[in-house]
Amino acid sequence: MPMCALPAAEVRPTYAALPQPMREFFDDQYRRAYQLVADARHHATGLYRDAYVTQGRENLPSSIAATGVGLIALAIGDLEGWEPNAAEKAVVTLRAMAGELAGVQPAKDRDTGFFAHFIHMETGARVWDSENSTIDTALLVSGALFVREYFRGHREIARLAAKLYHSVRWEAAIADCSKGEVFLKIEKGRGVNPLAPYNEYSLLAYLARGTATGRELWQKVYSPERLHLMPQQLVGPGRSIICEEGNIPSSFVYQFPYYLIHDYTVSPVYNALYANIAYADRRSWLECHRAPSFVWGHGAGVTPKGHYHPDSISDNPEHIASPYIIAGFLPVYPRGIYDLYDIYRTIIPYDKEPTNSGKSHRAGSRTRFQDAYRYGLSRFQYDPEAETIWYPEHTSVIDWSSMLYGLTAFKHGTRFFAEHNKLDDNLALAS
């Protein structure tokens, strides 16, 4: 398989300077990244399906995390001119989640306001006996607050986003301020399954800052100035990351907070940490998976065995690469745009024929290839010993968000996120 010669290390590619073929690739993949999320939206309720699937789409419920992504996608669609009615669509979605849309009553914990993870697309009823999820509620409300800032001055969006934020008793998700522990879920008003940092649950600590307990949690553990006190692991010369020893989590764990927590987006400390995670991810693919330099990305998703798995540096047995992870790291590793382009050219030419790698293809491989990569660079298996080609049939919207956010940041800079992911102090203090 040919490998693209990367530019000199000091070159930091920018959108404006991309060569024409790469610009065309970027623009197409960027639009597809948005379209996957847009196509997940229910036209009447504004709720977003959990995932893109090649078959059985109508049977999927809404994920409240996907709905949070959908709200941010509406802001991006408005920015790019792809979504002329973005504000109106955001209002519909917010009304549905706030319980103000006729026929929709989202399932939630009565005492704390934390929402059920999966709900019916049309009624909001709980689906799959899903838990009242603390992190997914935080992802939903983060999307609401994002459009509140983006469409600043839109009174109805501001009212609904504030209502949604204040409907949740955020301090109920806090297990131990001194240890930084937060609860995985809420049952009958009480937290269940405490989790220690560091993980994407830092978003809960950020949203809880409007309460006395939340402020203590943030100031003691999660603020950028305190991150160096968390458990760390060396991943290269002068490079360390936050994680339990020998247990580096999936790369998305660091990506969601980067785009959704203002203090992390603008923090030199977190940006250095973020760059080290990208370095560790790339290095593991070269050393442990013996992949070309442009193949990397430990993300989450469905594997060839049919199970959802959060792949990580220490746990990716089926050698699944997630290009959306590469995109998510573009702010700190902009040369990743060359890696995405090389994956497109040599492995996933999604707008062309399937590649002939010498491996056998199942019947209907062309159709399966086109269905799997309808929205561009989704997951693929890099395993020279695999006898057949694997095509992903499920792409979670929340996992795919790294692709959309990363490409947006590459084109417009992280300022787009920093300007709209800031928790309004007046809003928080009104809790």
Protein backbone atom coordinates (compact mmCIF):
# COMPACT_ATOMS: atom_id res chain seq x y z
CA MET A 1 0.00 0.00 0.00
CA PRO A 2 1.54 3.35 -1.02
CA MET A 3 2.33 5.84 1.66
CA CYS A 4 2.14 9.58 1.12
CA ALA A 5 5.32 11.53 1.76
CA LEU A 6 4.42 13.97 4.51
CA PRO A 7 5.64 17.55 4.40
CA ALA A 8 8.44 18.74 6.63
CA ALA A 9 7.65 18.69 10.35
CA GLU A 10 7.62 22.46 10.64
CA VAL A 11 4.86 22.85 8.05
CA ARG A 12 1.46 23.37 9.64
CA PRO A 13 -1.18 22.97 6.94
CA THR A 14 -4.12 25.34 6.93
CA TYR A 15 -7.41 25.18 5.11
CA ALA A 16 -6.55 28.22 2.98
CA ALA A 17 -3.26 26.66 1.84
CA LEU A 18 -4.52 23.19 0.95
CA PRO A 19 -3.72 22.07 -2.61
CA GLN A 20 -6.77 21.88 -4.84
CA PRO A 21 -7.27 18.07 -4.70
CA MET A 22 -7.04 18.13 -0.91
CA ARG A 23 -9.34 21.14 -0.71
CA GLU A 24 -11.92 19.27 -2.76
CA PHE A 25 -11.56 16.24 -0.50
CA PHE A 26 -11.86 18.39 2.64
CA ASP A 27 -14.93 20.26 1.44
CA ASP A 28 -16.66 17.03 0.47
CA GLN A 29 -15.82 15.21 3.70
CA TYR A 30 -16.80 18.26 5.77
CA ARG A 31 -20.21 18.44 4.13
CA ARG A 32 -20.70 14.70 4.54
CA ALA A 33 -19.70 14.98 8.20
CA TYR A 34 -22.47 17.49 8.69
CA GLN A 35 -24.96 15.54 6.61
CA LEU A 36 -24.69 12.38 8.72
CA VAL A 37 -25.89 14.36 11.72
CA ALA A 38 -28.51 16.30 9.75
CA ASP A 39 -29.97 13.07 8.36
CA ALA A 40 -30.35 11.71 11.90
CA ARG A 41 -32.87 14.42 12.78
CA HIS A 42 -36.58 13.70 13.11
CA HIS A 43 -38.39 16.24 10.98
CA ALA A 44 -41.23 16.85 13.46
CA THR A 45 -39.71 16.52 16.93
CA GLY A 46 -36.15 17.66 16.19
CA LEU A 47 -34.72 14.71 18.13
CA TYR A 48 -31.70 12.94 16.67
CA ARG A 49 -31.26 9.21 16.13
CA ASP A 50 -28.48 7.47 17.98
CA ALA A 51 -26.59 6.40 14.87
CA TYR A 52 -26.38 5.96 11.15
CA VAL A 53 -26.98 2.32 10.28
CA THR A 54 -26.94 0.75 6.85
CA GLN A 55 -30.11 -1.22 7.64
CA GLY A 56 -32.96 -0.74 10.12
CA ARG A 57 -32.65 3.01 10.57
CA GLU A 58 -36.36 3.41 11.32
CA ASN A 59 -36.02 1.16 14.37
CA LEU A 60 -33.39 3.25 16.12
CA PRO A 61 -34.34 5.52 19.03
CA SER A 62 -33.01 8.96 19.79
CA SER A 63 -29.92 9.34 21.91
CA ILE A 64 -29.91 12.51 24.00
CA ALA A 65 -26.17 12.78 23.34
CA ALA A 66 -26.83 12.69 19.60
CA THR A 67 -29.42 15.43 20.08
CA GLY A 68 -26.76 17.55 21.79
CA VAL A 69 -24.50 17.00 18.78
CA GLY A 70 -27.38 17.86 16.50
CA LEU A 71 -27.84 21.25 18.14
CA ILE A 72 -24.17 22.11 17.66
CA ALA A 73 -24.39 20.83 14.08
CA LEU A 74 -27.20 23.32 13.45
CA ALA A 75 -24.84 26.13 14.46
CA ILE A 76 -22.20 24.76 12.09
CA GLY A 77 -24.79 24.38 9.34
CA ASP A 78 -25.79 28.01 9.82
CA LEU A 79 -22.14 29.10 9.79
CA GLU A 80 -21.54 27.35 6.47
CA GLY A 81 -24.85 28.37 4.90
CA TRP A 82 -26.01 24.76 4.68
CA GLU A 83 -28.96 25.21 7.03
CA PRO A 84 -31.09 28.32 6.27
CA ASN A 85 -33.61 27.46 9.02
CA ALA A 86 -31.10 26.44 11.69
CA ALA A 87 -32.48 28.65 14.47
CA GLU A 88 -36.05 27.50 13.87
CA LYS A 89 -34.94 23.86 13.94
CA ALA A 90 -33.03 24.45 17.16
CA VAL A 91 -36.19 25.86 18.74
CA VAL A 92 -38.16 22.73 17.83
CA THR A 93 -35.48 20.46 19.30
CA LEU A 94 -35.24 22.51 22.50
CA ARG A 95 -39.00 22.62 22.94
CA ALA A 96 -39.16 18.85 22.58
CA MET A 97 -36.47 18.28 25.21
CA ALA A 98 -37.97 20.91 27.52
CA GLY A 99 -41.34 19.16 27.40
CA GLU A 100 -43.02 22.00 25.51
CA LEU A 101 -43.69 20.21 22.22
CA ALA A 102 -47.10 18.58 21.97
CA GLY A 103 -46.93 14.81 22.20
CA VAL A 104 -43.29 14.69 23.39
CA GLN A 105 -42.43 14.11 27.02
CA PRO A 106 -38.76 13.08 27.42
CA ALA A 107 -38.18 10.40 30.05
CA LYS A 108 -36.11 11.58 33.00
CA ASP A 109 -35.44 11.11 36.68
CA ARG A 110 -38.22 12.95 38.49
CA ASP A 111 -36.06 14.23 41.36
CA THR A 112 -32.91 15.36 39.57
CA GLY A 113 -33.91 15.99 35.96
CA PHE A 114 -31.26 13.72 34.41
CA PHE A 115 -32.61 12.32 31.15
CA ALA A 116 -32.90 8.74 29.96
CA HIS A 117 -30.08 7.93 27.57
CA PHE A 118 -32.31 6.54 24.80
CA ILE A 119 -35.80 7.83 24.10
CA HIS A 120 -38.47 7.34 21.47
CA MET A 121 -38.01 9.62 18.47
CA GLU A 122 -41.63 10.80 18.46
CA THR A 123 -42.82 10.60 22.08
CA GLY A 124 -39.69 10.87 24.24
CA ALA A 125 -40.60 7.67 26.10
CA ARG A 126 -37.77 5.63 27.57
CA VAL A 127 -36.37 2.99 25.19
CA TRP A 128 -34.32 -0.17 25.88
CA ASP A 129 -34.86 0.33 29.62
CA SER A 130 -32.01 2.84 29.35
CA GLU A 131 -30.42 4.51 32.34
CA ASN A 132 -30.78 8.13 33.42
CA SER A 133 -27.37 9.08 32.12
CA THR A 134 -25.32 11.86 33.69
CA ILE A 135 -22.80 12.26 30.86
CA ASP A 136 -25.38 12.05 28.09
CA THR A 137 -27.52 14.65 29.82
CA ALA A 138 -24.40 16.84 30.01
CA LEU A 139 -23.77 16.34 26.27
CA LEU A 140 -27.37 17.28 25.50
CA VAL A 141 -27.33 20.43 27.64
CA SER A 142 -23.90 21.42 26.28
CA GLY A 143 -25.45 21.46 22.82
CA ALA A 144 -28.33 23.60 24.11
CA LEU A 145 -25.95 26.10 25.70
CA PHE A 146 -23.83 26.15 22.54
CA VAL A 147 -26.72 27.25 20.32
CA ARG A 148 -27.73 29.73 23.02
CA GLU A 149 -24.37 31.43 22.58
CA TYR A 150 -24.24 31.03 18.80
CA PHE A 151 -27.73 32.46 18.25
CA ARG A 152 -27.18 35.12 20.91
CA GLY A 153 -30.10 37.49 20.92
CA HIS A 154 -32.63 34.83 19.95
CA ARG A 155 -34.94 35.06 22.96
CA GLU A 156 -36.73 31.75 22.52
CA ILE A 157 -33.51 29.75 22.16
CA ALA A 158 -32.06 31.57 25.18
CA ARG A 159 -35.18 30.85 27.26
CA LEU A 160 -35.37 27.17 26.34
CA ALA A 161 -31.65 26.52 26.79
CA ALA A 162 -31.72 28.16 30.21
CA LYS A 163 -34.81 26.16 31.16
CA LEU A 164 -33.11 22.94 30.12
CA TYR A 165 -29.94 23.77 32.04
CA HIS A 166 -31.82 24.69 35.21
CA SER A 167 -34.08 21.64 34.98
CA VAL A 168 -31.14 19.42 35.99
CA ARG A 169 -29.87 19.21 39.56
CA TRP A 170 -26.22 18.90 38.55
CA GLU A 171 -24.82 18.43 42.04
CA ALA A 172 -26.67 15.10 42.24
CA ALA A 173 -24.06 13.68 39.85
CA ILE A 174 -21.17 14.50 42.20
CA ALA A 175 -19.96 11.56 44.28
CA ASP A 176 -16.82 12.94 45.97
CA CYS A 177 -15.43 16.44 45.48
CA SER A 178 -11.99 15.70 46.90
CA LYS A 179 -11.47 12.68 44.64
CA GLY A 180 -13.19 14.13 41.60
CA GLU A 181 -15.64 11.24 41.44
CA VAL A 182 -18.94 11.61 39.59
CA PHE A 183 -21.81 9.18 39.13
CA LEU A 184 -22.40 7.22 35.95
CA LYS A 185 -26.18 7.26 36.30
CA ILE A 186 -29.06 8.35 38.51
CA GLU A 187 -31.71 6.06 39.94
CA LYS A 188 -34.67 7.44 41.91
CA GLY A 189 -32.86 10.66 42.71
CA ARG A 190 -29.60 9.04 43.81
CA GLY A 191 -26.29 8.63 42.03
CA VAL A 192 -25.10 5.15 41.09
CA ASN A 193 -21.68 3.83 40.02
CA PRO A 194 -19.10 6.50 40.94
CA LEU A 195 -16.28 7.02 38.43
CA ALA A 196 -12.85 8.44 39.20
CA PRO A 197 -11.19 10.97 36.88
CA TYR A 198 -9.95 11.42 34.29
CA ASN A 199 -12.68 10.89 31.72
CA GLU A 200 -15.20 12.78 29.63
CA TYR A 201 -17.30 13.18 32.77
CA SER A 202 -15.32 16.36 33.40
CA LEU A 203 -18.14 17.93 31.42
CA LEU A 204 -20.40 17.29 34.40
CA ALA A 205 -17.99 19.12 36.68
CA TYR A 206 -18.00 22.05 34.26
CA LEU A 207 -21.81 22.30 34.13
CA ALA A 208 -22.12 21.89 37.90
CA ARG A 209 -20.01 24.97 38.64
CA GLY A 210 -23.16 26.96 39.30
CA THR A 211 -23.62 25.07 42.58
CA ALA A 212 -21.46 25.26 45.70
CA THR A 213 -20.58 21.57 45.48
CA GLY A 214 -19.86 21.87 41.77
CA ARG A 215 -17.56 24.84 42.25
CA GLU A 216 -15.63 22.90 44.89
CA LEU A 217 -15.32 19.91 42.56
CA TRP A 218 -14.07 22.09 39.71
CA GLN A 219 -11.62 24.09 41.78
CA LYS A 220 -10.16 21.05 43.56
CA VAL A 221 -9.87 18.64 40.65
CA TYR A 222 -10.98 19.63 37.16
CA SER A 223 -9.80 23.18 36.56
CA PRO A 224 -6.86 23.35 34.10
CA GLU A 225 -4.63 24.56 36.92
CA ARG A 226 -5.27 21.32 38.84
CA LEU A 227 -5.01 18.79 36.05
CA HIS A 228 -1.32 18.14 36.70
CA LEU A 229 -2.27 16.64 40.07
CA MET A 230 -4.25 13.82 38.46
CA PRO A 231 -2.66 10.39 37.84
CA GLN A 232 -0.36 10.56 34.83
CA GLN A 233 1.45 8.20 32.53
CA LEU A 234 4.54 8.85 30.41
CA VAL A 235 3.90 8.16 26.72
CA GLY A 236 7.10 9.50 25.20
CA PRO A 237 10.11 11.71 25.91
CA GLY A 238 8.78 14.66 27.88
CA ARG A 239 5.20 13.66 27.11
CA SER A 240 2.69 12.57 29.73
CA ILE A 241 -1.07 12.17 29.75
CA ILE A 242 -3.75 11.99 32.43
CA CYS A 243 -4.91 8.45 33.08
CA GLU A 244 -4.66 5.59 35.50
CA GLU A 245 -1.35 3.72 35.20
CA GLY A 246 -1.54 1.22 32.36
CA ASN A 247 -5.11 2.16 31.50
CA ILE A 248 -5.14 4.76 28.74
CA PRO A 249 -8.78 5.30 27.71
CA SER A 250 -10.16 5.72 24.22
CA SER A 251 -9.06 8.96 22.59
CA PHE A 252 -12.60 10.36 22.45
CA VAL A 253 -12.45 10.69 26.24
CA TYR A 254 -10.12 13.66 25.76
CA GLN A 255 -11.82 15.03 22.64
CA PHE A 256 -15.33 15.76 23.88
CA PRO A 257 -14.12 18.01 26.74
CA TYR A 258 -11.74 19.82 24.39
CA TYR A 259 -14.59 21.04 22.20
CA LEU A 260 -17.27 21.49 24.88
CA ILE A 261 -15.44 22.93 27.90
CA HIS A 262 -14.33 26.50 27.30
CA ASP A 263 -11.57 26.42 29.93
CA TYR A 264 -10.00 23.40 28.22
CA THR A 265 -10.32 24.76 24.67
CA VAL A 266 -8.28 27.85 25.58
CA SER A 267 -5.94 26.29 28.17
CA PRO A 268 -2.27 25.82 27.19
CA VAL A 269 -2.17 23.02 29.77
CA TYR A 270 -5.01 21.10 28.18
CA ASN A 271 -3.77 21.79 24.66
CA ALA A 272 -0.40 20.27 25.60
CA LEU A 273 -2.17 17.27 27.11
CA TYR A 274 -4.31 16.98 23.99
CA ALA A 275 -1.25 17.00 21.72
CA ASN A 276 0.34 14.27 23.84
CA ILE A 277 -2.73 12.08 23.48
CA ALA A 278 -2.57 12.47 19.69
CA TYR A 279 1.12 11.56 19.81
CA ALA A 280 0.45 8.46 21.92
CA ASP A 281 -2.37 7.34 19.63
CA ARG A 282 -0.21 7.66 16.49
CA ARG A 283 2.78 5.99 18.11
CA SER A 284 0.78 2.98 19.23
CA TRP A 285 -0.40 2.32 15.69
CA LEU A 286 3.15 2.41 14.35
CA GLU A 287 4.61 0.24 17.10
CA CYS A 288 1.79 -2.12 18.06
CA HIS A 289 -0.26 -2.44 14.88
CA ARG A 290 2.58 -1.94 12.36
CA ALA A 291 0.40 0.38 10.35
CA PRO A 292 1.41 3.04 7.83
CA SER A 293 2.00 6.42 9.44
CA PHE A 294 -1.33 7.73 8.21
CA VAL A 295 -3.41 4.95 9.81
CA TRP A 296 -4.35 5.68 13.43
CA GLY A 297 -7.21 6.73 15.67
CA HIS A 298 -8.42 4.74 18.67
CA GLY A 299 -12.13 5.52 18.79
CA ALA A 300 -15.35 3.83 19.83
CA GLY A 301 -17.81 1.96 17.68
CA VAL A 302 -19.14 -1.36 16.52
CA THR A 303 -16.45 -3.94 15.65
CA PRO A 304 -16.38 -6.89 13.22
CA LYS A 305 -17.73 -9.05 16.04
CA GLY A 306 -20.84 -6.89 16.16
CA HIS A 307 -20.23 -5.38 19.59
CA TYR A 308 -19.80 -1.73 20.53
CA HIS A 309 -16.28 -1.28 21.89
CA PRO A 310 -14.31 1.78 23.09
CA ASP A 311 -11.00 1.00 21.36
CA SER A 312 -7.94 2.38 23.10
CA ILE A 313 -4.16 2.26 23.02
CA SER A 314 -4.14 -0.67 25.42
CA ASP A 315 -7.27 -2.38 24.10
CA ASN A 316 -7.88 -2.56 20.35
CA PRO A 317 -7.70 -6.30 19.59
CA GLU A 318 -9.44 -6.10 16.23
CA HIS A 319 -7.18 -3.34 14.87
CA ILE A 320 -10.00 -0.88 14.14
CA ALA A 321 -8.93 2.60 13.05
CA SER A 322 -11.31 5.55 13.49
CA PRO A 323 -10.57 8.44 11.11
CA TYR A 324 -12.92 10.69 13.08
CA ILE A 325 -10.39 10.57 15.91
CA ILE A 326 -7.73 11.95 13.54
CA ALA A 327 -10.10 14.77 12.62
CA GLY A 328 -10.75 15.52 16.27
CA PHE A 329 -7.05 16.07 16.87
CA LEU A 330 -6.54 18.48 13.96
CA PRO A 331 -6.30 21.57 16.22
CA VAL A 332 -3.12 20.18 17.82
CA TYR A 333 -1.96 17.96 14.95
CA PRO A 334 -3.01 19.72 11.73
CA ARG A 335 -0.84 17.39 9.64
CA GLY A 336 -3.55 14.84 10.32
CA ILE A 337 -5.36 16.32 7.33
CA TYR A 338 -2.75 14.60 5.16
CA ASP A 339 -3.48 11.33 6.98
CA LEU A 340 -7.20 11.65 6.28
CA TYR A 341 -6.46 12.36 2.64
CA ASP A 342 -4.17 9.33 2.38
CA ILE A 343 -6.83 7.10 3.95
CA TYR A 344 -9.25 8.40 1.35
CA ARG A 345 -6.82 7.82 -1.52
CA THR A 346 -5.56 4.38 -0.57
CA ILE A 347 -8.09 2.70 1.71
CA ILE A 348 -11.54 4.32 1.60
CA PRO A 349 -12.18 6.05 -1.74
CA TYR A 350 -15.76 6.50 -0.61
CA ASP A 351 -16.97 8.19 -3.80
CA LYS A 352 -15.36 5.58 -6.05
CA GLU A 353 -15.11 1.79 -6.27
CA PRO A 354 -13.99 -0.39 -3.34
CA THR A 355 -10.25 -0.95 -3.29
CA ASN A 356 -8.80 -4.26 -4.36
CA SER A 357 -6.57 -5.26 -1.48
CA GLY A 358 -6.18 -8.88 -2.43
CA LYS A 359 -8.66 -9.93 0.25
CA SER A 360 -11.92 -11.59 -0.56
CA HIS A 361 -15.11 -9.56 -0.69
CA ARG A 362 -18.52 -10.79 0.32
CA ALA A 363 -21.38 -10.76 -2.15
CA GLY A 364 -22.62 -7.29 -2.93
CA SER A 365 -19.38 -5.70 -1.73
CA ARG A 366 -19.84 -2.59 -3.86
CA THR A 367 -23.23 -1.85 -2.31
CA ARG A 368 -21.98 -2.66 1.18
CA PHE A 369 -18.94 -0.42 0.66
CA GLN A 370 -21.07 2.50 -0.52
CA ASP A 371 -23.56 2.07 2.32
CA ALA A 372 -20.82 1.80 4.96
CA TYR A 373 -18.99 4.90 3.74
CA ARG A 374 -21.93 6.97 2.58
CA TYR A 375 -20.73 9.82 4.80
CA GLY A 376 -17.04 9.40 4.14
CA LEU A 377 -14.24 8.17 6.34
CA SER A 378 -15.81 5.94 8.95
CA ARG A 379 -14.11 3.07 10.79
CA PHE A 380 -12.09 0.37 9.06
CA GLN A 381 -10.03 -2.64 10.03
CA TYR A 382 -6.30 -2.53 9.48
CA ASP A 383 -5.34 -6.14 9.94
CA PRO A 384 -3.11 -7.77 7.27
CA GLU A 385 -4.13 -11.20 8.62
CA ALA A 386 -7.86 -10.68 8.18
CA GLU A 387 -9.18 -12.82 5.35
CA THR A 388 -12.14 -10.66 4.35
CA ILE A 389 -12.93 -6.97 4.12
CA TRP A 390 -15.01 -5.61 7.00
CA TYR A 391 -17.44 -2.77 6.40
CA PRO A 392 -18.94 -0.84 9.34
CA GLU A 393 -22.72 -0.93 9.41
CA HIS A 394 -23.20 1.35 12.44
CA THR A 395 -21.81 4.82 13.10
CA SER A 396 -22.79 6.48 16.38
CA VAL A 397 -23.60 10.19 16.05
CA ILE A 398 -21.79 11.06 19.30
CA ASP A 399 -18.62 9.29 18.13
CA TRP A 400 -18.90 10.89 14.69
CA SER A 401 -19.04 14.32 16.33
CA SER A 402 -15.23 14.32 16.50
CA MET A 403 -15.17 14.37 12.69
CA LEU A 404 -17.57 17.30 12.42
CA TYR A 405 -16.00 19.32 15.24
CA GLY A 406 -12.43 18.67 14.10
CA LEU A 407 -13.04 19.66 10.48
CA THR A 408 -14.89 22.78 11.64
CA ALA A 409 -11.94 23.74 13.84
CA PHE A 410 -9.47 23.10 11.01
CA LYS A 411 -11.34 25.46 8.71
CA HIS A 412 -12.40 28.14 11.19
CA GLY A 413 -10.05 27.66 14.12
CA THR A 414 -10.86 26.63 17.66
CA ARG A 415 -12.12 30.16 18.25
CA PHE A 416 -15.47 29.02 16.86
CA PHE A 417 -15.82 26.62 19.79
CA ALA A 418 -14.23 28.92 22.38
CA GLU A 419 -16.73 31.66 21.55
CA HIS A 420 -19.76 29.41 21.99
CA ASN A 421 -18.88 26.76 24.57
CA LYS A 422 -18.41 29.19 27.45
CA LEU A 423 -20.80 28.66 30.34
CA ASP A 424 -22.44 32.00 31.04
CA ASP A 425 -21.57 32.92 34.64
CA ASN A 426 -24.89 34.68 35.14
CA LEU A 427 -26.74 31.60 33.93
CA ALA A 428 -24.73 29.29 36.19
CA LEU A 429 -25.03 31.46 39.27
CA ALA A 430 -28.78 31.60 38.82
CA SER A 431 -28.93 27.87 39.62
